[in-house]
Amino acid sequence: MSFEPTKRRALIVYLKNMRQARQLRRFGIVNYISNKMKFASVYVDEGDVETKKKLIERLGFVDHVELSHWPEIDTTVGGQQSMDEIDFAVDSDDVFDDVAQEEEL
């Protein structure tokens, strides 16, 4: 038996009233609640995203719901380059030949 993680997606729920934010726990895992910006982050299963989004939007204390775009973003930094291919260059204008004097410091 192997472990398979369940695919989840975040719903960003903007609220009118923060008192009912705890009620979002029945729809999924409430990851974060911001009282200042009046939103909550709720993780739901990937297959139930559309149905849960419609149910949450019908609640009276919810302003609107947005779907997180995190799975669509490419998270690789710098492409497919290896460390041998990266060329580090220093401009001659950026290099100082003078040693700092104590008065300058």
PDB file of N, CA and C in Angstrom:
ATOM      1  N   MET A   1       0.848  -1.176   0.000  1.00  0.00           N
ATOM      2  CA  MET A   1       0.000   0.000   0.000  1.00  0.00           C
ATOM      3  C   MET A   1       0.896   1.243   0.000  1.00  0.00           C
ATOM      4  N   SER A   2       0.709   2.099  -0.979  1.00  0.00           N
ATOM      5  CA  SER A   2       1.534   3.295  -1.079  1.00  0.00           C
ATOM      6  C   SER A   2       0.701   4.532  -0.736  1.00  0.00           C
ATOM      7  N   PHE A   3       1.395   5.528  -0.281  1.00  0.00           N
ATOM      8  CA  PHE A   3       0.748   6.784   0.090  1.00  0.00           C
ATOM      9  C   PHE A   3       0.581   7.658  -1.143  1.00  0.00           C
ATOM     10  N   GLU A   4      -0.631   8.120  -1.371  1.00  0.00           N
ATOM     11  CA  GLU A   4      -0.886   9.039  -2.475  1.00  0.00           C
ATOM     12  C   GLU A   4      -1.512  10.304  -1.911  1.00  0.00           C
ATOM     13  N   PRO A   5      -0.846  11.446  -2.065  1.00  0.00           N
ATOM     14  CA  PRO A   5      -1.413  12.695  -1.544  1.00  0.00           C
ATOM     15  C   PRO A   5      -2.643  13.113  -2.354  1.00  0.00           C
ATOM     16  N   THR A   6      -3.614  13.669  -1.667  1.00  0.00           N
ATOM     17  CA  THR A   6      -4.805  14.152  -2.357  1.00  0.00           C
ATOM     18  C   THR A   6      -4.513  15.530  -2.934  1.00  0.00           C
ATOM     19  N   LYS A   7      -4.939  15.748  -4.152  1.00  0.00           N
ATOM     20  CA  LYS A   7      -4.727  17.043  -4.786  1.00  0.00           C
ATOM     21  C   LYS A   7      -5.754  18.013  -4.232  1.00  0.00           C
ATOM     22  N   ARG A   8      -5.268  19.164  -3.781  1.00  0.00           N
ATOM     23  CA  ARG A   8      -6.119  20.187  -3.208  1.00  0.00           C
ATOM     24  C   ARG A   8      -5.888  21.502  -3.912  1.00  0.00           C
ATOM     25  N   ARG A   9      -6.868  22.372  -3.774  1.00  0.00           N
ATOM     26  CA  ARG A   9      -6.793  23.701  -4.372  1.00  0.00           C
ATOM     27  C   ARG A   9      -7.328  24.692  -3.363  1.00  0.00           C
ATOM     28  N   ALA A  10      -6.752  25.863  -3.327  1.00  0.00           N
ATOM     29  CA  ALA A  10      -7.164  26.886  -2.372  1.00  0.00           C
ATOM     30  C   ALA A  10      -8.259  27.756  -2.962  1.00  0.00           C
ATOM     31  N   LEU A  11      -9.225  28.074  -2.127  1.00  0.00           N
ATOM     32  CA  LEU A  11     -10.252  29.053  -2.453  1.00  0.00           C
ATOM     33  C   LEU A  11     -10.018  30.251  -1.547  1.00  0.00           C
ATOM     34  N   ILE A  12      -9.944  31.428  -2.125  1.00  0.00           N
ATOM     35  CA  ILE A  12      -9.793  32.655  -1.348  1.00  0.00           C
ATOM     36  C   ILE A  12     -11.200  33.231  -1.171  1.00  0.00           C
ATOM     37  N   VAL A  13     -11.675  33.248   0.074  1.00  0.00           N
ATOM     38  CA  VAL A  13     -13.040  33.652   0.372  1.00  0.00           C
ATOM     39  C   VAL A  13     -12.998  35.033   1.025  1.00  0.00           C
ATOM     40  N   TYR A  14     -13.558  36.028   0.355  1.00  0.00           N
ATOM     41  CA  TYR A  14     -13.641  37.377   0.907  1.00  0.00           C
ATOM     42  C   TYR A  14     -14.937  37.505   1.692  1.00  0.00           C
ATOM     43  N   LEU A  15     -14.845  37.995   2.923  1.00  0.00           N
ATOM     44  CA  LEU A  15     -15.968  37.975   3.855  1.00  0.00           C
ATOM     45  C   LEU A  15     -16.481  39.381   4.147  1.00  0.00           C
ATOM     46  N   LYS A  16     -17.773  39.467   4.427  1.00  0.00           N
ATOM     47  CA  LYS A  16     -18.378  40.716   4.873  1.00  0.00           C
ATOM     48  C   LYS A  16     -18.235  40.862   6.385  1.00  0.00           C
ATOM     49  N   ASN A  17     -18.397  39.753   7.086  1.00  0.00           N
ATOM     50  CA  ASN A  17     -18.331  39.751   8.542  1.00  0.00           C
ATOM     51  C   ASN A  17     -17.393  38.627   8.974  1.00  0.00           C
ATOM     52  N   MET A  18     -16.431  38.946   9.807  1.00  0.00           N
ATOM     53  CA  MET A  18     -15.412  37.965  10.189  1.00  0.00           C
ATOM     54  C   MET A  18     -15.895  36.986  11.252  1.00  0.00           C
ATOM     55  N   ARG A  19     -17.006  37.241  11.900  1.00  0.00           N
ATOM     56  CA  ARG A  19     -17.477  36.352  12.964  1.00  0.00           C
ATOM     57  C   ARG A  19     -17.826  34.961  12.452  1.00  0.00           C
ATOM     58  N   GLN A  20     -18.325  34.874  11.237  1.00  0.00           N
ATOM     59  CA  GLN A  20     -18.733  33.582  10.691  1.00  0.00           C
ATOM     60  C   GLN A  20     -17.615  32.857   9.941  1.00  0.00           C
ATOM     61  N   ALA A  21     -16.392  33.336  10.020  1.00  0.00           N
ATOM     62  CA  ALA A  21     -15.290  32.721   9.273  1.00  0.00           C
ATOM     63  C   ALA A  21     -15.054  31.280   9.703  1.00  0.00           C
ATOM     64  N   ARG A  22     -15.341  30.965  10.949  1.00  0.00           N
ATOM     65  CA  ARG A  22     -15.130  29.596  11.433  1.00  0.00           C
ATOM     66  C   ARG A  22     -16.105  28.608  10.805  1.00  0.00           C
ATOM     67  N   GLN A  23     -17.217  29.095  10.260  1.00  0.00           N
ATOM     68  CA  GLN A  23     -18.187  28.206   9.615  1.00  0.00           C
ATOM     69  C   GLN A  23     -17.660  27.620   8.312  1.00  0.00           C
ATOM     70  N   LEU A  24     -16.594  28.186   7.780  1.00  0.00           N
ATOM     71  CA  LEU A  24     -16.016  27.675   6.535  1.00  0.00           C
ATOM     72  C   LEU A  24     -15.342  26.329   6.725  1.00  0.00           C
ATOM     73  N   ARG A  25     -15.157  25.905   7.975  1.00  0.00           N
ATOM     74  CA  ARG A  25     -14.495  24.624   8.235  1.00  0.00           C
ATOM     75  C   ARG A  25     -15.292  23.439   7.714  1.00  0.00           C
ATOM     76  N   ARG A  26     -16.595  23.586   7.537  1.00  0.00           N
ATOM     77  CA  ARG A  26     -17.391  22.463   7.041  1.00  0.00           C
ATOM     78  C   ARG A  26     -17.210  22.232   5.543  1.00  0.00           C
ATOM     79  N   PHE A  27     -16.585  23.176   4.834  1.00  0.00           N
ATOM     80  CA  PHE A  27     -16.356  23.028   3.398  1.00  0.00           C
ATOM     81  C   PHE A  27     -14.958  22.520   3.072  1.00  0.00           C
ATOM     82  N   GLY A  28     -14.012  22.698   3.975  1.00  0.00           N
ATOM     83  CA  GLY A  28     -12.644  22.265   3.725  1.00  0.00           C
ATOM     84  C   GLY A  28     -11.750  22.666   4.882  1.00  0.00           C
ATOM     85  N   ILE A  29     -10.470  22.672   4.639  1.00  0.00           N
ATOM     86  CA  ILE A  29      -9.484  23.016   5.660  1.00  0.00           C
ATOM     87  C   ILE A  29      -9.221  24.512   5.592  1.00  0.00           C
ATOM     88  N   VAL A  30      -9.530  25.221   6.672  1.00  0.00           N
ATOM     89  CA  VAL A  30      -9.271  26.659   6.729  1.00  0.00           C
ATOM     90  C   VAL A  30      -7.808  26.833   7.085  1.00  0.00           C
ATOM     91  N   ASN A  31      -7.036  27.347   6.147  1.00  0.00           N
ATOM     92  CA  ASN A  31      -5.601  27.485   6.324  1.00  0.00           C
ATOM     93  C   ASN A  31      -5.235  28.810   6.987  1.00  0.00           C
ATOM     94  N   TYR A  32      -5.892  29.896   6.599  1.00  0.00           N
ATOM     95  CA  TYR A  32      -5.515  31.216   7.090  1.00  0.00           C
ATOM     96  C   TYR A  32      -6.737  32.123   7.100  1.00  0.00           C
ATOM     97  N   ILE A  33      -6.830  32.959   8.135  1.00  0.00           N
ATOM     98  CA  ILE A  33      -7.886  33.964   8.230  1.00  0.00           C
ATOM     99  C   ILE A  33      -7.221  35.300   8.506  1.00  0.00           C
ATOM    100  N   SER A  34      -7.507  36.303   7.668  1.00  0.00           N
ATOM    101  CA  SER A  34      -6.968  37.638   7.852  1.00  0.00           C
ATOM    102  C   SER A  34      -8.097  38.553   8.299  1.00  0.00           C
ATOM    103  N   ASN A  35      -8.037  39.015   9.531  1.00  0.00           N
ATOM    104  CA  ASN A  35      -9.062  39.915  10.037  1.00  0.00           C
ATOM    105  C   ASN A  35      -8.942  41.296   9.412  1.00  0.00           C
ATOM    106  N   LYS A  36      -7.719  41.732   9.158  1.00  0.00           N
ATOM    107  CA  LYS A  36      -7.505  43.068   8.612  1.00  0.00           C
ATOM    108  C   LYS A  36      -8.013  43.180   7.179  1.00  0.00           C
ATOM    109  N   MET A  37      -7.687  42.193   6.351  1.00  0.00           N
ATOM    110  CA  MET A  37      -8.082  42.250   4.950  1.00  0.00           C
ATOM    111  C   MET A  37      -9.384  41.504   4.659  1.00  0.00           C
ATOM    112  N   LYS A  38      -9.962  40.888   5.671  1.00  0.00           N
ATOM    113  CA  LYS A  38     -11.266  40.215   5.602  1.00  0.00           C
ATOM    114  C   LYS A  38     -11.319  39.125   4.534  1.00  0.00           C
ATOM    115  N   PHE A  39     -10.389  38.175   4.616  1.00  0.00           N
ATOM    116  CA  PHE A  39     -10.454  37.022   3.731  1.00  0.00           C
ATOM    117  C   PHE A  39      -9.985  35.791   4.477  1.00  0.00           C
ATOM    118  N   ALA A  40     -10.351  34.638   3.932  1.00  0.00           N
ATOM    119  CA  ALA A  40      -9.921  33.353   4.486  1.00  0.00           C
ATOM    120  C   ALA A  40      -9.465  32.471   3.329  1.00  0.00           C
ATOM    121  N   SER A  41      -8.472  31.645   3.604  1.00  0.00           N
ATOM    122  CA  SER A  41      -7.972  30.696   2.628  1.00  0.00           C
ATOM    123  C   SER A  41      -8.458  29.307   3.032  1.00  0.00           C
ATOM    124  N   VAL A  42      -9.207  28.658   2.135  1.00  0.00           N
ATOM    125  CA  VAL A  42      -9.807  27.355   2.419  1.00  0.00           C
ATOM    126  C   VAL A  42      -9.310  26.363   1.372  1.00  0.00           C
ATOM    127  N   TYR A  43      -8.745  25.243   1.830  1.00  0.00           N
ATOM    128  CA  TYR A  43      -8.297  24.191   0.925  1.00  0.00           C
ATOM    129  C   TYR A  43      -9.391  23.157   0.769  1.00  0.00           C
ATOM    130  N   VAL A  44      -9.734  22.841  -0.499  1.00  0.00           N
ATOM    131  CA  VAL A  44     -10.730  21.821  -0.812  1.00  0.00           C
ATOM    132  C   VAL A  44     -10.120  20.840  -1.803  1.00  0.00           C
ATOM    133  N   ASP A  45     -10.721  19.656  -1.923  1.00  0.00           N
ATOM    134  CA  ASP A  45     -10.233  18.657  -2.869  1.00  0.00           C
ATOM    135  C   ASP A  45     -10.421  19.159  -4.300  1.00  0.00           C
ATOM    136  N   GLU A  46      -9.509  18.773  -5.176  1.00  0.00           N
ATOM    137  CA  GLU A  46      -9.505  19.262  -6.555  1.00  0.00           C
ATOM    138  C   GLU A  46     -10.795  18.911  -7.296  1.00  0.00           C
ATOM    139  N   GLY A  47     -11.369  17.765  -7.030  1.00  0.00           N
ATOM    140  CA  GLY A  47     -12.593  17.355  -7.718  1.00  0.00           C
ATOM    141  C   GLY A  47     -13.829  18.103  -7.258  1.00  0.00           C
ATOM    142  N   ASP A  48     -13.813  18.631  -6.042  1.00  0.00           N
ATOM    143  CA  ASP A  48     -14.984  19.308  -5.486  1.00  0.00           C
ATOM    144  C   ASP A  48     -14.899  20.822  -5.551  1.00  0.00           C
ATOM    145  N   VAL A  49     -13.972  21.371  -6.298  1.00  0.00           N
ATOM    146  CA  VAL A  49     -13.729  22.819  -6.275  1.00  0.00           C
ATOM    147  C   VAL A  49     -14.953  23.603  -6.734  1.00  0.00           C
ATOM    148  N   GLU A  50     -15.529  23.246  -7.861  1.00  0.00           N
ATOM    149  CA  GLU A  50     -16.638  24.023  -8.419  1.00  0.00           C
ATOM    150  C   GLU A  50     -17.891  23.925  -7.545  1.00  0.00           C
ATOM    151  N   THR A  51     -18.200  22.746  -7.040  1.00  0.00           N
ATOM    152  CA  THR A  51     -19.398  22.603  -6.208  1.00  0.00           C
ATOM    153  C   THR A  51     -19.241  23.341  -4.889  1.00  0.00           C
ATOM    154  N   LYS A  52     -18.063  23.239  -4.268  1.00  0.00           N
ATOM    155  CA  LYS A  52     -17.832  23.930  -2.998  1.00  0.00           C
ATOM    156  C   LYS A  52     -17.812  25.441  -3.195  1.00  0.00           C
ATOM    157  N   LYS A  53     -17.266  25.889  -4.323  1.00  0.00           N
ATOM    158  CA  LYS A  53     -17.226  27.323  -4.606  1.00  0.00           C
ATOM    159  C   LYS A  53     -18.639  27.882  -4.716  1.00  0.00           C
ATOM    160  N   LYS A  54     -19.520  27.170  -5.407  1.00  0.00           N
ATOM    161  CA  LYS A  54     -20.905  27.622  -5.541  1.00  0.00           C
ATOM    162  C   LYS A  54     -21.619  27.636  -4.195  1.00  0.00           C
ATOM    163  N   LEU A  55     -21.367  26.627  -3.361  1.00  0.00           N
ATOM    164  CA  LEU A  55     -21.999  26.581  -2.044  1.00  0.00           C
ATOM    165  C   LEU A  55     -21.519  27.717  -1.144  1.00  0.00           C
ATOM    166  N   ILE A  56     -20.233  28.002  -1.197  1.00  0.00           N
ATOM    167  CA  ILE A  56     -19.675  29.068  -0.352  1.00  0.00           C
ATOM    168  C   ILE A  56     -20.173  30.431  -0.817  1.00  0.00           C
ATOM    169  N   GLU A  57     -20.304  30.632  -2.131  1.00  0.00           N
ATOM    170  CA  GLU A  57     -20.777  31.920  -2.644  1.00  0.00           C
ATOM    171  C   GLU A  57     -22.206  32.222  -2.217  1.00  0.00           C
ATOM    172  N   ARG A  58     -23.000  31.198  -1.940  1.00  0.00           N
ATOM    173  CA  ARG A  58     -24.394  31.395  -1.546  1.00  0.00           C
ATOM    174  C   ARG A  58     -24.548  31.814  -0.087  1.00  0.00           C
ATOM    175  N   LEU A  59     -23.492  31.707   0.703  1.00  0.00           N
ATOM    176  CA  LEU A  59     -23.580  32.092   2.105  1.00  0.00           C
ATOM    177  C   LEU A  59     -23.739  33.601   2.237  1.00  0.00           C
ATOM    178  N   GLY A  60     -24.486  34.038   3.233  1.00  0.00           N
ATOM    179  CA  GLY A  60     -24.796  35.447   3.396  1.00  0.00           C
ATOM    180  C   GLY A  60     -23.632  36.309   3.811  1.00  0.00           C
ATOM    181  N   PHE A  61     -22.669  35.754   4.526  1.00  0.00           N
ATOM    182  CA  PHE A  61     -21.537  36.541   5.016  1.00  0.00           C
ATOM    183  C   PHE A  61     -20.365  36.567   4.054  1.00  0.00           C
ATOM    184  N   VAL A  62     -20.515  35.958   2.877  1.00  0.00           N
ATOM    185  CA  VAL A  62     -19.435  35.889   1.895  1.00  0.00           C
ATOM    186  C   VAL A  62     -19.638  36.974   0.846  1.00  0.00           C
ATOM    187  N   ASP A  63     -18.588  37.747   0.597  1.00  0.00           N
ATOM    188  CA  ASP A  63     -18.634  38.795  -0.421  1.00  0.00           C
ATOM    189  C   ASP A  63     -18.421  38.178  -1.802  1.00  0.00           C
ATOM    190  N   HIS A  64     -17.278  37.523  -2.011  1.00  0.00           N
ATOM    191  CA  HIS A  64     -17.023  36.782  -3.247  1.00  0.00           C
ATOM    192  C   HIS A  64     -15.912  35.760  -3.003  1.00  0.00           C
ATOM    193  N   VAL A  65     -15.786  34.819  -3.950  1.00  0.00           N
ATOM    194  CA  VAL A  65     -14.820  33.720  -3.837  1.00  0.00           C
ATOM    195  C   VAL A  65     -13.957  33.709  -5.081  1.00  0.00           C
ATOM    196  N   GLU A  66     -12.648  33.556  -4.876  1.00  0.00           N
ATOM    197  CA  GLU A  66     -11.717  33.448  -5.994  1.00  0.00           C
ATOM    198  C   GLU A  66     -10.964  32.125  -5.901  1.00  0.00           C
ATOM    199  N   LEU A  67     -10.624  31.588  -7.045  1.00  0.00           N
ATOM    200  CA  LEU A  67      -9.871  30.349  -7.130  1.00  0.00           C
ATOM    201  C   LEU A  67      -8.386  30.662  -7.163  1.00  0.00           C
ATOM    202  N   SER A  68      -7.587  29.936  -6.400  1.00  0.00           N
ATOM    203  CA  SER A  68      -6.149  30.168  -6.376  1.00  0.00           C
ATOM    204  C   SER A  68      -5.511  29.710  -7.685  1.00  0.00           C
ATOM    205  N   HIS A  69      -4.552  30.479  -8.177  1.00  0.00           N
ATOM    206  CA  HIS A  69      -3.877  30.149  -9.431  1.00  0.00           C
ATOM    207  C   HIS A  69      -2.515  29.499  -9.193  1.00  0.00           C
ATOM    208  N   TRP A  70      -2.236  29.086  -7.986  1.00  0.00           N
ATOM    209  CA  TRP A  70      -0.923  28.540  -7.662  1.00  0.00           C
ATOM    210  C   TRP A  70      -0.557  27.307  -8.489  1.00  0.00           C
ATOM    211  N   PRO A  71      -1.457  26.335  -8.737  1.00  0.00           N
ATOM    212  CA  PRO A  71      -1.038  25.176  -9.544  1.00  0.00           C
ATOM    213  C   PRO A  71      -0.697  25.527 -10.989  1.00  0.00           C
ATOM    214  N   GLU A  72      -1.166  26.655 -11.475  1.00  0.00           N
ATOM    215  CA  GLU A  72      -0.917  27.047 -12.861  1.00  0.00           C
ATOM    216  C   GLU A  72       0.413  27.780 -13.039  1.00  0.00           C
ATOM    217  N   ILE A  73       1.048  28.199 -11.940  1.00  0.00           N
ATOM    218  CA  ILE A  73       2.268  28.991 -12.008  1.00  0.00           C
ATOM    219  C   ILE A  73       3.484  28.082 -12.102  1.00  0.00           C
ATOM    220  N   ASP A  74       4.415  28.448 -12.981  1.00  0.00           N
ATOM    221  CA  ASP A  74       5.667  27.716 -13.100  1.00  0.00           C
ATOM    222  C   ASP A  74       6.593  28.171 -11.967  1.00  0.00           C
ATOM    223  N   THR A  75       6.956  27.257 -11.086  1.00  0.00           N
ATOM    224  CA  THR A  75       7.739  27.616  -9.905  1.00  0.00           C
ATOM    225  C   THR A  75       9.230  27.378 -10.063  1.00  0.00           C
ATOM    226  N   THR A  76       9.679  26.994 -11.258  1.00  0.00           N
ATOM    227  CA  THR A  76      11.107  26.806 -11.460  1.00  0.00           C
ATOM    228  C   THR A  76      11.768  28.169 -11.599  1.00  0.00           C
ATOM    229  N   VAL A  77      12.887  28.344 -10.926  1.00  0.00           N
ATOM    230  CA  VAL A  77      13.580  29.619 -10.934  1.00  0.00           C
ATOM    231  C   VAL A  77      14.785  29.512 -11.870  1.00  0.00           C
ATOM    232  N   GLY A  78      14.877  30.396 -12.843  1.00  0.00           N
ATOM    233  CA  GLY A  78      16.030  30.438 -13.718  1.00  0.00           C
ATOM    234  C   GLY A  78      16.002  29.434 -14.843  1.00  0.00           C
ATOM    235  N   GLY A  79      14.961  28.742 -15.045  1.00  0.00           N
ATOM    236  CA  GLY A  79      14.874  27.800 -16.146  1.00  0.00           C
ATOM    237  C   GLY A  79      15.628  26.515 -15.851  1.00  0.00           C
ATOM    238  N   GLN A  80      16.138  25.885 -16.896  1.00  0.00           N
ATOM    239  CA  GLN A  80      16.803  24.594 -16.787  1.00  0.00           C
ATOM    240  C   GLN A  80      18.322  24.711 -16.856  1.00  0.00           C
ATOM    241  N   GLN A  81      18.887  25.829 -16.449  1.00  0.00           N
ATOM    242  CA  GLN A  81      20.327  26.025 -16.535  1.00  0.00           C
ATOM    243  C   GLN A  81      21.023  25.339 -15.364  1.00  0.00           C
ATOM    244  N   SER A  82      22.183  24.784 -15.658  1.00  0.00           N
ATOM    245  CA  SER A  82      23.003  24.238 -14.585  1.00  0.00           C
ATOM    246  C   SER A  82      23.980  25.315 -14.119  1.00  0.00           C
ATOM    247  N   MET A  83      24.662  25.084 -13.016  1.00  0.00           N
ATOM    248  CA  MET A  83      25.590  26.075 -12.471  1.00  0.00           C
ATOM    249  C   MET A  83      26.781  26.307 -13.404  1.00  0.00           C
ATOM    250  N   ASP A  84      27.141  25.348 -14.251  1.00  0.00           N
ATOM    251  CA  ASP A  84      28.256  25.515 -15.177  1.00  0.00           C
ATOM    252  C   ASP A  84      27.908  26.498 -16.300  1.00  0.00           C
ATOM    253  N   GLU A  85      26.630  26.583 -16.661  1.00  0.00           N
ATOM    254  CA  GLU A  85      26.214  27.439 -17.757  1.00  0.00           C
ATOM    255  C   GLU A  85      26.025  28.885 -17.341  1.00  0.00           C
ATOM    256  N   ILE A  86      25.920  29.159 -16.053  1.00  0.00           N
ATOM    257  CA  ILE A  86      25.672  30.515 -15.581  1.00  0.00           C
ATOM    258  C   ILE A  86      26.984  31.289 -15.602  1.00  0.00           C
ATOM    259  N   ASP A  87      26.977  32.453 -16.229  1.00  0.00           N
ATOM    260  CA  ASP A  87      28.172  33.278 -16.347  1.00  0.00           C
ATOM    261  C   ASP A  87      28.012  34.485 -15.431  1.00  0.00           C
ATOM    262  N   PHE A  88      28.908  34.600 -14.467  1.00  0.00           N
ATOM    263  CA  PHE A  88      28.895  35.727 -13.556  1.00  0.00           C
ATOM    264  C   PHE A  88      29.900  36.752 -14.055  1.00  0.00           C
ATOM    265  N   ALA A  89      29.437  37.961 -14.265  1.00  0.00           N
ATOM    266  CA  ALA A  89      30.307  39.012 -14.777  1.00  0.00           C
ATOM    267  C   ALA A  89      30.231  40.221 -13.853  1.00  0.00           C
ATOM    268  N   VAL A  90      31.378  40.925 -13.710  1.00  0.00           N
ATOM    269  CA  VAL A  90      31.452  42.133 -12.895  1.00  0.00           C
ATOM    270  C   VAL A  90      31.931  43.258 -13.787  1.00  0.00           C
ATOM    271  N   ASP A  91      31.202  44.364 -13.753  1.00  0.00           N
ATOM    272  CA  ASP A  91      31.616  45.522 -14.531  1.00  0.00           C
ATOM    273  C   ASP A  91      32.830  46.177 -13.875  1.00  0.00           C
ATOM    274  N   SER A  92      33.721  46.719 -14.698  1.00  0.00           N
ATOM    275  CA  SER A  92      34.905  47.390 -14.154  1.00  0.00           C
ATOM    276  C   SER A  92      34.513  48.675 -13.434  1.00  0.00           C
ATOM    277  N   ASP A  93      33.370  49.262 -13.770  1.00  0.00           N
ATOM    278  CA  ASP A  93      32.914  50.480 -13.099  1.00  0.00           C
ATOM    279  C   ASP A  93      32.460  50.188 -11.661  1.00  0.00           C
ATOM    280  N   ASP A  94      32.037  48.971 -11.423  1.00  0.00           N
ATOM    281  CA  ASP A  94      31.538  48.614 -10.095  1.00  0.00           C
ATOM    282  C   ASP A  94      32.648  48.269  -9.117  1.00  0.00           C
ATOM    283  N   VAL A  95      33.854  48.022  -9.602  1.00  0.00           N
ATOM    284  CA  VAL A  95      34.958  47.617  -8.733  1.00  0.00           C
ATOM    285  C   VAL A  95      35.740  48.860  -8.320  1.00  0.00           C
ATOM    286  N   PHE A  96      36.008  48.997  -7.029  1.00  0.00           N
ATOM    287  CA  PHE A  96      36.763  50.126  -6.504  1.00  0.00           C
ATOM    288  C   PHE A  96      38.188  49.676  -6.217  1.00  0.00           C
ATOM    289  N   ASP A  97      39.163  50.472  -6.693  1.00  0.00           N
ATOM    290  CA  ASP A  97      40.561  50.173  -6.424  1.00  0.00           C
ATOM    291  C   ASP A  97      41.026  50.814  -5.129  1.00  0.00           C
ATOM    292  N   ASP A  98      40.342  51.846  -4.685  1.00  0.00           N
ATOM    293  CA  ASP A  98      40.770  52.584  -3.500  1.00  0.00           C
ATOM    294  C   ASP A  98      40.410  51.803  -2.235  1.00  0.00           C
ATOM    295  N   VAL A  99      41.272  51.887  -1.266  1.00  0.00           N
ATOM    296  CA  VAL A  99      40.988  51.338   0.037  1.00  0.00           C
ATOM    297  C   VAL A  99      40.339  52.452   0.853  1.00  0.00           C
ATOM    298  N   ALA A 100      39.257  52.160   1.539  1.00  0.00           N
ATOM    299  CA  ALA A 100      38.527  53.193   2.282  1.00  0.00           C
ATOM    300  C   ALA A 100      39.385  53.748   3.400  1.00  0.00           C
ATOM    301  N   GLN A 101      39.413  55.069   3.497  1.00  0.00           N
ATOM    302  CA  GLN A 101      40.132  55.739   4.567  1.00  0.00           C
ATOM    303  C   GLN A 101      39.252  55.801   5.805  1.00  0.00           C
ATOM    304  N   GLU A 102      39.869  55.977   6.954  1.00  0.00           N
ATOM    305  CA  GLU A 102      39.103  56.040   8.190  1.00  0.00           C
ATOM    306  C   GLU A 102      38.205  57.259   8.220  1.00  0.00           C
ATOM    307  N   GLU A 103      38.638  58.367   7.604  1.00  0.00           N
ATOM    308  CA  GLU A 103      37.826  59.585   7.591  1.00  0.00           C
ATOM    309  C   GLU A 103      36.556  59.387   6.786  1.00  0.00           C
ATOM    310  N   GLU A 104      36.619  58.594   5.734  1.00  0.00           N
ATOM    311  CA  GLU A 104      35.453  58.362   4.894  1.00  0.00           C
ATOM    312  C   GLU A 104      34.413  57.514   5.596  1.00  0.00           C
ATOM    313  N   LEU A 105      34.851  56.640   6.473  1.00  0.00           N
ATOM    314  CA  LEU A 105      33.924  55.781   7.178  1.00  0.00           C
ATOM    315  C   LEU A 105      33.237  56.565   8.246  1.00  0.00           C
TER     316      LEU A 105
END
